[in-house]
């Protein structure tokens, strides 16, 4: 089954700066990260590091139409 998963689908960001209130998030809470999309806290995330799953990307269609 692992061969069906896109190896580029996992992105790990380190040394990110986020609001201090994020440390109190609960599983499956949703957030918008500026210019990146909407994310949901992974239900298996247990604290540090927090795991967020992107649920909706932000599409930059302005450049394609006006660039």
N, C-alpha and C. Protein backbone atom coordinates (compact mmCIF):
# COMPACT_ATOMS: atom_id res chain seq x y z
N UNK A 1 0.83 -1.20 0.00
CA UNK A 1 0.00 0.00 0.00
C UNK A 1 0.87 1.25 0.00
N UNK A 2 2.06 1.21 0.59
CA UNK A 2 2.93 2.36 0.65
C UNK A 2 3.32 2.91 -0.71
N UNK A 3 3.30 2.06 -1.75
CA UNK A 3 3.67 2.52 -3.09
C UNK A 3 2.61 3.44 -3.69
N UNK A 4 1.42 3.51 -3.10
CA UNK A 4 0.35 4.37 -3.61
C UNK A 4 0.42 5.78 -3.02
N UNK A 5 1.27 5.99 -2.05
CA UNK A 5 1.39 7.30 -1.41
C UNK A 5 2.46 8.11 -2.12
N UNK A 6 2.13 9.32 -2.48
CA UNK A 6 3.08 10.22 -3.15
C UNK A 6 4.19 10.58 -2.16
N UNK A 7 5.44 10.27 -2.48
CA UNK A 7 6.53 10.58 -1.55
C UNK A 7 6.72 12.07 -1.31
N UNK A 8 6.18 12.90 -2.20
CA UNK A 8 6.28 14.35 -2.03
C UNK A 8 5.15 14.92 -1.18
N UNK A 9 4.25 14.05 -0.71
CA UNK A 9 3.11 14.55 0.04
C UNK A 9 3.44 14.88 1.48
N UNK A 10 4.57 14.42 1.98
CA UNK A 10 4.97 14.73 3.35
C UNK A 10 5.98 15.87 3.33
N UNK A 11 5.63 16.95 4.00
CA UNK A 11 6.51 18.11 4.09
C UNK A 11 6.73 18.40 5.56
N UNK A 12 7.98 18.48 5.97
CA UNK A 12 8.31 18.76 7.36
C UNK A 12 8.95 20.13 7.41
N UNK A 13 8.34 21.03 8.17
CA UNK A 13 8.89 22.37 8.35
C UNK A 13 9.47 22.46 9.75
N UNK A 14 10.67 22.93 9.86
CA UNK A 14 11.32 23.08 11.15
C UNK A 14 11.59 24.55 11.41
N UNK A 15 11.72 24.89 12.67
CA UNK A 15 12.03 26.26 13.07
C UNK A 15 10.99 27.26 12.59
N UNK A 16 9.72 26.87 12.66
CA UNK A 16 8.62 27.76 12.28
C UNK A 16 8.25 28.64 13.46
N UNK A 17 7.79 29.82 13.16
CA UNK A 17 7.34 30.74 14.20
C UNK A 17 5.82 30.80 14.14
N UNK A 18 5.17 30.47 15.26
CA UNK A 18 3.72 30.50 15.33
C UNK A 18 3.28 31.17 16.62
N UNK A 19 2.01 31.49 16.70
CA UNK A 19 1.46 32.12 17.89
C UNK A 19 1.63 31.21 19.11
N UNK A 20 1.96 31.76 20.27
CA UNK A 20 2.11 30.95 21.48
C UNK A 20 0.83 30.18 21.86
N UNK A 21 -0.33 30.68 21.50
CA UNK A 21 -1.58 30.00 21.86
C UNK A 21 -1.75 28.67 21.15
N UNK A 22 -1.00 28.42 20.10
CA UNK A 22 -1.09 27.17 19.35
C UNK A 22 -0.71 25.98 20.23
N UNK A 23 0.07 26.19 21.27
CA UNK A 23 0.50 25.07 22.12
C UNK A 23 -0.67 24.40 22.82
N UNK A 24 -1.81 25.05 22.90
CA UNK A 24 -2.98 24.51 23.59
C UNK A 24 -4.03 23.94 22.64
N UNK A 25 -3.65 23.64 21.39
CA UNK A 25 -4.63 23.15 20.42
C UNK A 25 -5.11 21.75 20.77
N UNK A 26 -6.28 21.44 20.26
CA UNK A 26 -6.86 20.12 20.46
C UNK A 26 -6.93 19.40 19.12
N UNK A 27 -6.95 18.09 19.16
CA UNK A 27 -7.02 17.28 17.94
C UNK A 27 -8.19 17.73 17.07
N UNK A 28 -7.92 17.82 15.80
CA UNK A 28 -8.88 18.15 14.75
C UNK A 28 -9.36 19.59 14.75
N UNK A 29 -8.75 20.48 15.54
CA UNK A 29 -9.04 21.92 15.41
C UNK A 29 -8.49 22.39 14.08
N UNK A 30 -9.11 23.41 13.51
CA UNK A 30 -8.72 23.89 12.19
C UNK A 30 -8.19 25.31 12.26
N UNK A 31 -7.20 25.58 11.37
CA UNK A 31 -6.53 26.88 11.33
C UNK A 31 -6.21 27.26 9.89
N UNK A 32 -6.10 28.55 9.65
CA UNK A 32 -5.55 29.03 8.39
C UNK A 32 -4.17 29.55 8.68
N UNK A 33 -3.19 29.01 7.96
CA UNK A 33 -1.83 29.52 8.06
C UNK A 33 -1.62 30.46 6.88
N UNK A 34 -1.29 31.68 7.19
CA UNK A 34 -1.19 32.76 6.22
C UNK A 34 -0.43 32.32 4.96
N UNK A 35 -1.07 32.46 3.82
CA UNK A 35 -0.53 32.18 2.50
C UNK A 35 -0.20 30.72 2.23
N UNK A 36 -0.63 29.82 3.11
CA UNK A 36 -0.33 28.40 2.90
C UNK A 36 -1.58 27.55 2.76
N UNK A 37 -2.65 27.88 3.45
CA UNK A 37 -3.87 27.09 3.34
C UNK A 37 -4.51 26.87 4.69
N UNK A 38 -5.44 25.93 4.69
CA UNK A 38 -6.16 25.57 5.91
C UNK A 38 -5.63 24.23 6.40
N UNK A 39 -5.43 24.13 7.70
CA UNK A 39 -4.83 22.94 8.30
C UNK A 39 -5.65 22.46 9.48
N UNK A 40 -5.55 21.17 9.74
CA UNK A 40 -6.25 20.53 10.85
C UNK A 40 -5.19 19.85 11.72
N UNK A 41 -5.33 19.97 13.03
CA UNK A 41 -4.41 19.29 13.94
C UNK A 41 -4.64 17.78 13.80
N UNK A 42 -3.57 17.04 13.56
CA UNK A 42 -3.66 15.60 13.40
C UNK A 42 -4.21 14.95 14.67
N UNK A 43 -5.10 13.99 14.52
CA UNK A 43 -5.70 13.37 15.70
C UNK A 43 -4.70 12.55 16.50
N UNK A 44 -3.54 12.24 15.92
CA UNK A 44 -2.50 11.50 16.64
C UNK A 44 -1.40 12.42 17.18
N UNK A 45 -1.54 13.72 16.96
CA UNK A 45 -0.55 14.67 17.46
C UNK A 45 -0.64 14.74 18.98
N UNK A 46 0.48 14.55 19.64
CA UNK A 46 0.47 14.50 21.10
C UNK A 46 1.23 15.65 21.74
N UNK A 47 1.50 16.69 21.03
CA UNK A 47 2.21 17.82 21.63
C UNK A 47 3.37 18.27 20.78
N UNK A 48 4.56 18.13 21.31
CA UNK A 48 5.75 18.62 20.61
C UNK A 48 6.43 17.46 19.92
N UNK A 49 6.63 17.49 18.62
CA UNK A 49 6.15 18.54 17.72
C UNK A 49 4.68 18.35 17.40
N UNK A 50 4.01 19.44 17.13
CA UNK A 50 2.62 19.39 16.69
C UNK A 50 2.58 18.92 15.24
N UNK A 51 1.54 18.20 14.89
CA UNK A 51 1.37 17.71 13.53
C UNK A 51 0.10 18.34 12.97
N UNK A 52 0.24 19.03 11.83
CA UNK A 52 -0.88 19.66 11.15
C UNK A 52 -1.01 19.04 9.77
N UNK A 53 -2.23 18.72 9.38
CA UNK A 53 -2.51 18.20 8.05
C UNK A 53 -3.20 19.28 7.23
N UNK A 54 -2.66 19.52 6.02
CA UNK A 54 -3.30 20.52 5.16
C UNK A 54 -4.59 19.93 4.61
N UNK A 55 -5.68 20.67 4.77
CA UNK A 55 -6.97 20.20 4.27
C UNK A 55 -7.42 20.97 3.03
N UNK A 56 -6.96 22.22 2.88
CA UNK A 56 -7.27 23.02 1.69
C UNK A 56 -6.07 23.91 1.39
N UNK A 57 -5.46 23.77 0.20
CA UNK A 57 -4.36 24.67 -0.15
C UNK A 57 -4.92 26.01 -0.61
N UNK A 58 -4.11 27.05 -0.53
CA UNK A 58 -4.50 28.33 -1.09
C UNK A 58 -3.92 28.39 -2.50
N UNK A 59 -4.77 28.70 -3.44
CA UNK A 59 -4.37 28.72 -4.85
C UNK A 59 -4.07 30.15 -5.25
N UNK A 60 -2.92 30.36 -5.87
CA UNK A 60 -2.54 31.68 -6.34
C UNK A 60 -2.90 31.80 -7.81
N UNK A 61 -4.15 32.12 -8.08
CA UNK A 61 -4.60 32.24 -9.47
C UNK A 61 -4.42 33.65 -10.03
N UNK A 62 -4.16 34.63 -9.17
CA UNK A 62 -4.00 36.00 -9.64
C UNK A 62 -2.82 36.13 -10.59
N UNK A 63 -1.70 35.53 -10.27
CA UNK A 63 -0.51 35.63 -11.11
C UNK A 63 -0.76 34.99 -12.48
N UNK A 64 -1.44 33.87 -12.53
CA UNK A 64 -1.71 33.18 -13.78
C UNK A 64 -2.59 34.04 -14.70
N UNK A 65 -3.57 34.74 -14.13
CA UNK A 65 -4.49 35.55 -14.93
C UNK A 65 -3.88 36.90 -15.31
N UNK A 66 -3.04 37.45 -14.44
CA UNK A 66 -2.56 38.82 -14.63
C UNK A 66 -1.04 38.89 -14.81
N UNK A 67 -0.38 37.78 -14.92
CA UNK A 67 1.08 37.78 -14.98
C UNK A 67 1.55 37.71 -16.34
